Protein backbone atom coordinates (compact mmCIF):
# COMPACT_ATOMS: atom_id res chain seq x y z
CA MET A 1 38.17 7.34 40.26
CA ALA A 2 39.57 8.43 36.89
CA LYS A 3 37.40 10.82 34.98
CA LYS A 4 35.86 9.32 31.83
CA LYS A 5 36.76 11.12 28.64
CA GLY A 6 35.18 11.39 25.22
CA LEU A 7 31.48 11.69 26.09
CA GLY A 8 31.43 15.47 25.75
CA ARG A 9 28.70 17.75 27.09
CA GLY A 10 26.02 15.22 26.12
CA VAL A 11 26.42 13.14 29.27
CA ASP A 12 26.06 16.21 31.47
CA LEU A 13 22.87 17.12 29.65
CA LEU A 14 21.39 13.66 30.00
CA PHE A 15 22.45 12.73 33.50
CA ASN A 16 22.92 16.01 35.36
CA GLN A 17 21.02 15.68 38.62
CA GLU A 18 20.82 19.44 39.27
CA GLU A 19 17.83 20.11 37.03
CA ASP A 20 15.86 23.33 37.07
CA GLU A 21 12.34 22.46 38.16
CA GLU A 22 10.77 24.72 35.54
CA LYS A 23 12.43 22.60 32.82
CA PHE A 24 10.47 19.52 33.92
CA PHE A 25 6.81 19.47 32.82
CA GLU A 26 4.00 17.38 31.37
CA CYS A 27 4.07 17.82 27.60
CA ASP A 28 1.32 17.24 25.03
CA ILE A 29 2.39 14.05 23.31
CA GLU A 30 1.42 15.45 19.90
CA GLN A 31 3.92 18.29 20.30
CA ILE A 32 6.88 15.90 20.44
CA VAL A 33 8.58 15.13 17.14
CA PRO A 34 11.22 12.40 16.53
CA ASN A 35 14.90 13.22 16.58
CA LEU A 36 16.29 13.46 13.05
CA TYR A 37 19.42 11.68 14.26
CA GLN A 38 17.72 8.85 16.14
CA PRO A 39 20.02 5.86 15.55
CA ARG A 40 17.48 3.19 16.43
CA GLN A 41 15.36 2.07 13.46
CA HIS A 42 13.98 -1.27 14.65
CA PHE A 43 11.46 -1.56 17.48
CA ASP A 44 10.30 -5.00 18.55
CA PRO A 45 6.46 -4.92 18.62
CA ASP A 46 6.15 -7.39 21.52
CA SER A 47 8.68 -5.53 23.65
CA LEU A 48 6.97 -2.23 22.83
CA GLN A 49 3.58 -3.62 23.84
CA GLU A 50 5.02 -4.88 27.14
CA LEU A 51 6.33 -1.39 27.85
CA ALA A 52 2.93 0.10 26.89
CA ASP A 53 1.19 -2.24 29.34
CA SER A 54 3.62 -1.22 32.08
CA ILE A 55 3.03 2.47 31.33
CA SER A 56 -0.73 1.93 31.49
CA GLN A 57 -0.28 0.53 35.01
CA ASN A 58 2.51 2.70 36.39
CA GLY A 59 2.82 5.73 34.09
CA VAL A 60 6.05 6.96 32.52
CA ILE A 61 8.57 6.69 35.36
CA GLN A 62 11.59 8.14 33.54
CA PRO A 63 10.97 11.47 31.75
CA LEU A 64 11.71 11.90 28.07
CA VAL A 65 14.47 14.37 27.18
CA VAL A 66 13.54 17.02 24.61
CA VAL A 67 14.80 20.23 23.07
CA ALA A 68 12.64 23.10 21.78
CA ASN A 69 12.71 23.57 18.02
CA PRO A 70 12.04 26.76 15.99
CA GLU A 71 8.54 25.57 15.00
CA GLY A 72 7.36 25.64 18.61
CA ALA A 73 7.38 21.86 19.02
CA TYR A 74 9.76 19.70 21.03
CA GLU A 75 12.32 17.47 19.35
CA LEU A 76 13.05 14.21 21.11
CA ILE A 77 16.60 13.57 22.29
CA ALA A 78 16.06 10.50 24.44
CA GLY A 79 13.11 8.19 25.01
CA GLU A 80 11.88 7.03 21.59
CA ARG A 81 10.62 3.69 22.97
CA ARG A 82 8.84 5.42 25.87
CA LEU A 83 7.20 7.87 23.45
CA ARG A 84 5.95 5.11 21.15
CA ALA A 85 4.76 2.97 24.05
CA SER A 86 2.97 5.96 25.60
CA LYS A 87 1.06 6.48 22.35
CA LEU A 88 0.14 2.78 22.36
CA ALA A 89 -1.09 3.16 25.94
CA GLY A 90 -3.29 6.09 24.87
CA LEU A 91 -1.54 8.78 26.93
CA LYS A 92 -2.18 12.41 25.99
CA GLU A 93 0.73 13.85 27.97
CA VAL A 94 4.15 12.55 29.04
CA PRO A 95 6.73 13.91 31.49
CA VAL A 96 9.68 15.61 29.79
CA VAL A 97 12.88 17.39 30.72
CA LEU A 98 13.75 20.33 28.47
CA ARG A 99 17.44 20.67 27.60
CA ASP A 100 19.42 23.45 25.98
CA VAL A 101 21.22 22.12 22.92
CA SER A 102 23.21 24.51 20.77
CA SER A 103 24.00 22.47 17.63
CA GLU A 104 22.97 19.56 15.42
CA GLU A 105 26.21 17.85 16.41
CA GLU A 106 25.11 17.93 20.03
CA LEU A 107 21.71 16.48 19.11
CA LEU A 108 23.35 13.57 17.35
CA GLU A 109 25.81 13.09 20.20
CA LEU A 110 22.99 12.94 22.73
CA ALA A 111 20.98 10.46 20.66
CA LEU A 112 24.04 8.25 20.38
CA ILE A 113 24.79 8.43 24.08
CA GLU A 114 21.20 7.60 25.01
CA ASN A 115 21.17 4.52 22.82
CA VAL A 116 24.76 3.27 22.52
CA GLN A 117 25.64 3.76 26.17
CA ARG A 118 22.50 1.92 27.24
CA GLN A 119 23.15 -0.80 24.64
CA ASP A 120 19.69 -0.55 23.10
CA LEU A 121 20.83 -0.55 19.48
CA ASN A 122 21.41 -3.61 17.36
CA PRO A 123 24.93 -3.78 15.85
CA LEU A 124 23.83 -2.39 12.47
CA GLU A 125 22.02 0.59 13.97
CA GLU A 126 25.12 1.33 16.02
CA ALA A 127 27.27 1.07 12.87
CA GLU A 128 24.95 3.44 11.00
CA ALA A 129 25.13 5.90 13.89
CA TYR A 130 28.93 5.90 13.77
CA GLU A 131 28.80 6.36 10.02
CA LYS A 132 26.61 9.45 10.49
CA LEU A 133 29.12 10.91 12.90
CA ILE A 134 31.97 10.25 10.49
CA GLN A 135 30.26 11.43 7.30
CA GLN A 136 28.15 14.33 8.56
CA PHE A 137 30.65 15.85 10.96
CA SER A 138 33.93 14.71 9.35
CA TYR A 139 35.02 12.73 12.40
CA THR A 140 37.71 10.10 12.22
CA GLN A 141 36.92 6.64 13.59
CA GLU A 142 38.95 7.55 16.66
CA GLN A 143 36.98 10.75 17.23
CA ALA A 144 33.65 8.92 16.76
CA ALA A 145 34.77 6.31 19.28
CA ALA A 146 35.77 8.99 21.79
CA LYS A 147 32.33 10.63 21.49
CA VAL A 148 30.61 7.53 22.84
CA GLY A 149 33.39 6.18 25.05
CA LYS A 150 34.21 3.17 22.87
CA GLN A 151 37.48 1.70 21.62
CA ARG A 152 38.38 2.61 18.03
CA SER A 153 38.55 -1.10 17.18
CA THR A 154 34.94 -1.50 18.34
CA VAL A 155 33.81 1.27 15.99
CA ALA A 156 35.89 -0.16 13.12
CA ASN A 157 34.41 -3.64 13.60
CA ARG A 158 30.86 -2.26 13.70
CA LEU A 159 31.45 -0.24 10.52
CA ARG A 160 32.64 -3.37 8.68
CA LEU A 161 29.15 -4.83 9.13
CA LEU A 162 27.83 -2.23 6.67
CA GLN A 163 29.73 -4.10 3.91
CA LEU A 164 27.40 -7.09 4.29
CA PRO A 165 24.64 -7.72 1.73
CA ASP A 166 21.08 -6.78 2.67
CA PHE A 167 19.93 -10.34 3.34
CA ILE A 168 22.62 -10.75 6.03
CA LYS A 169 21.77 -7.35 7.52
CA ASP A 170 18.15 -8.42 7.73
CA ASP A 171 19.21 -11.58 9.59
CA ILE A 172 21.07 -9.44 12.14
CA CYS A 173 18.11 -7.11 12.66
CA LYS A 174 15.76 -10.07 13.15
CA GLN A 175 18.31 -11.80 15.42
CA ARG A 176 18.66 -14.86 13.20
CA LEU A 177 22.41 -14.14 13.19
CA SER A 178 24.53 -12.58 15.91
CA GLU A 179 27.24 -10.00 15.32
CA GLY A 180 29.82 -12.77 15.79
CA HIS A 181 28.22 -14.83 13.00
CA ALA A 182 28.13 -11.76 10.76
CA ARG A 183 31.81 -11.02 11.35
CA ALA A 184 32.65 -14.60 10.41
CA LEU A 185 30.69 -14.18 7.16
CA LEU A 186 32.66 -11.04 6.33
CA ARG A 187 35.50 -13.37 5.30
CA LEU A 188 33.43 -14.27 2.24
CA THR A 189 32.57 -10.75 1.06
CA ASP A 190 34.28 -11.38 -2.28
CA ASP A 191 32.00 -14.38 -2.99
CA GLU A 192 28.33 -13.66 -2.26
CA ILE A 193 27.24 -17.14 -3.41
CA ALA A 194 29.58 -18.76 -0.87
CA MET A 195 28.36 -16.30 1.76
CA LYS A 196 24.74 -17.29 1.09
CA GLU A 197 25.65 -20.99 1.37
CA ALA A 198 27.49 -20.39 4.64
CA ARG A 199 24.64 -18.29 6.03
CA ASP A 200 22.09 -21.01 5.23
CA LEU A 201 24.24 -23.66 6.92
CA ILE A 202 24.80 -21.52 10.02
CA ILE A 203 21.07 -20.90 10.48
CA SER A 204 19.80 -24.38 9.55
CA LYS A 205 22.34 -26.17 11.78
CA GLY A 206 22.20 -23.63 14.60
CA MET A 207 25.97 -23.18 14.51
CA SER A 208 27.86 -21.38 17.25
CA VAL A 209 30.08 -18.44 16.35
CA ARG A 210 33.14 -20.67 16.69
CA GLN A 211 31.64 -23.22 14.27
CA ALA A 212 30.75 -20.42 11.86
CA GLU A 213 34.33 -19.15 11.94
CA LYS A 214 35.66 -22.62 11.12
CA LEU A 215 33.13 -23.01 8.30
CA THR A 216 33.92 -19.67 6.64
CA SER A 217 37.68 -20.22 7.02
CA ARG A 218 37.35 -23.59 5.29
CA MET A 219 35.19 -22.14 2.52
CA LYS A 220 37.61 -19.24 2.07
CA GLN A 221 40.53 -21.65 1.69
CA THR A 222 38.58 -23.84 -0.75
CA SER A 223 37.70 -20.79 -2.82
CA LYS A 224 41.34 -19.67 -2.84
CA THR A 225 42.56 -23.13 -3.91
CA ALA A 226 39.95 -23.29 -6.67
CA GLY A 227 41.01 -19.86 -7.85
CA ASN A 228 44.66 -20.91 -8.00
CA SER A 229 43.77 -24.07 -9.92
CA LYS A 230 41.72 -22.08 -12.37
CA ALA A 231 44.64 -19.71 -12.89
CA LYS A 232 46.92 -22.66 -13.62
CA GLU A 233 44.46 -24.01 -16.15
CA THR A 234 44.28 -20.71 -18.01
CA PRO A 235 46.05 -21.05 -21.39
CA VAL A 236 49.42 -19.35 -21.54
CA ILE A 237 48.97 -18.76 -25.29
CA PRO A 238 46.05 -16.43 -26.03
CA GLN A 239 43.18 -18.12 -27.82
CA SER A 240 43.29 -15.78 -30.83
CA PHE A 241 47.02 -16.42 -31.34
CA SER A 242 46.72 -20.22 -30.96
CA HIS A 243 43.85 -20.21 -33.48
CA SER A 244 46.04 -18.32 -35.95
CA LEU A 245 48.90 -20.84 -35.50
CA LEU A 246 46.60 -23.83 -35.97
CA THR A 247 45.11 -22.32 -39.14
CA ARG A 248 48.57 -21.89 -40.65
CA VAL A 249 49.61 -25.48 -39.85
CA SER A 250 46.28 -26.93 -41.02
CA ASN A 251 46.50 -25.06 -44.34
CA LYS A 252 50.06 -26.28 -44.86
CA LEU A 253 49.35 -29.94 -44.02
CA HIS A 254 45.77 -30.11 -45.29
CA SER A 255 44.84 -31.98 -42.15
CA LYS A 256 43.09 -31.26 -38.85
CA VAL A 257 45.42 -30.17 -36.02
CA GLN A 258 44.91 -29.15 -32.40
CA LEU A 259 46.98 -27.65 -29.60
CA VAL A 260 46.96 -29.27 -26.13
CA GLN A 261 48.44 -26.97 -23.46
CA ASN A 262 49.75 -27.83 -19.99
CA GLY A 263 50.98 -24.62 -18.41
CA THR A 264 53.97 -23.40 -20.43
CA ARG A 265 54.27 -26.80 -22.14
CA GLY A 266 52.01 -28.68 -24.57
CA LYS A 267 51.77 -30.74 -27.72
CA LEU A 268 50.60 -30.32 -31.29
CA GLU A 269 48.34 -33.15 -32.46
CA ILE A 270 47.94 -33.88 -36.21
CA GLU A 271 45.13 -36.08 -37.42
CA TYR A 272 45.63 -38.55 -40.32
CA TYR A 273 43.08 -40.72 -42.07
CA SER A 274 45.10 -43.63 -43.51
CA VAL A 275 48.63 -45.06 -43.76
CA ASP A 276 49.13 -43.24 -47.05
CA ASP A 277 47.97 -40.00 -45.43
CA LEU A 278 50.43 -40.55 -42.58
CA GLU A 279 53.31 -41.06 -45.06
CA ARG A 280 52.26 -37.84 -46.83
CA LEU A 281 52.30 -35.86 -43.56
CA VAL A 282 55.73 -37.26 -42.55
CA ALA A 283 57.16 -36.36 -45.94
CA LEU A 284 55.85 -32.80 -45.64
CA ILE A 285 57.18 -32.34 -42.11
CA ALA A 286 60.55 -33.87 -43.03
CA GLY A 287 60.78 -31.72 -46.13
CA GLU A 288 61.02 -34.74 -48.43
CA GLU A 289 58.25 -33.56 -50.75
């Protein structure tokens, strides 16, 4: 079997079976503090309560993974859901495995591996985790992908979700929209009103991802066509200049005039008030007066 690359020392720390027994112990739950780099931000209350009920019956089967911090407490690397559920279940102590971690980068790497590799994050939390790797540790997208054993295209697609407005992000977190729906809506990022209309239709009609893609493609094309039409309707002659021209002609003819444009062409309309007035205007234009 080919050796997997890109997961770094973090996988060895998490899944190494040759653990020193003295590093496994029951830890006071109040001594465990959250990991600063925990990617997961959203915890479903119902799912958490189910886990708490299970822990009440069976205990914590899989130990939490922690690292000692300078303040004498233990910082959580893996097991945020188990920690929260244990508190809900009223436990005073939980089983932990103490790991040696030498850098903040390693802490973040381990938190990512624990969550991304086990597919516990929603797409936005995963995107935010990649962004932390890239911004805080100056990784490229390719390096961030290698850290968690993903394709660079996967990381790039997740990061694009961060461009979405907050109301779409909220829909993803609450599972009203899937990642596929969100990626379809990304086509309308330059028109938030159209994006809102598309989002409402997708949710109200229960559209599939394929239907959402067709909808946003159609709306994108409509928006592009409307934009082109609007450009064609834009006067070639600037308004200030046309106003100046009309003022000069009106003062010369002593009559109301207007300019009607059609792209680079157009016509000059002169208003007259009687047959005599018409004859006067013709004489002026013909230079007979």
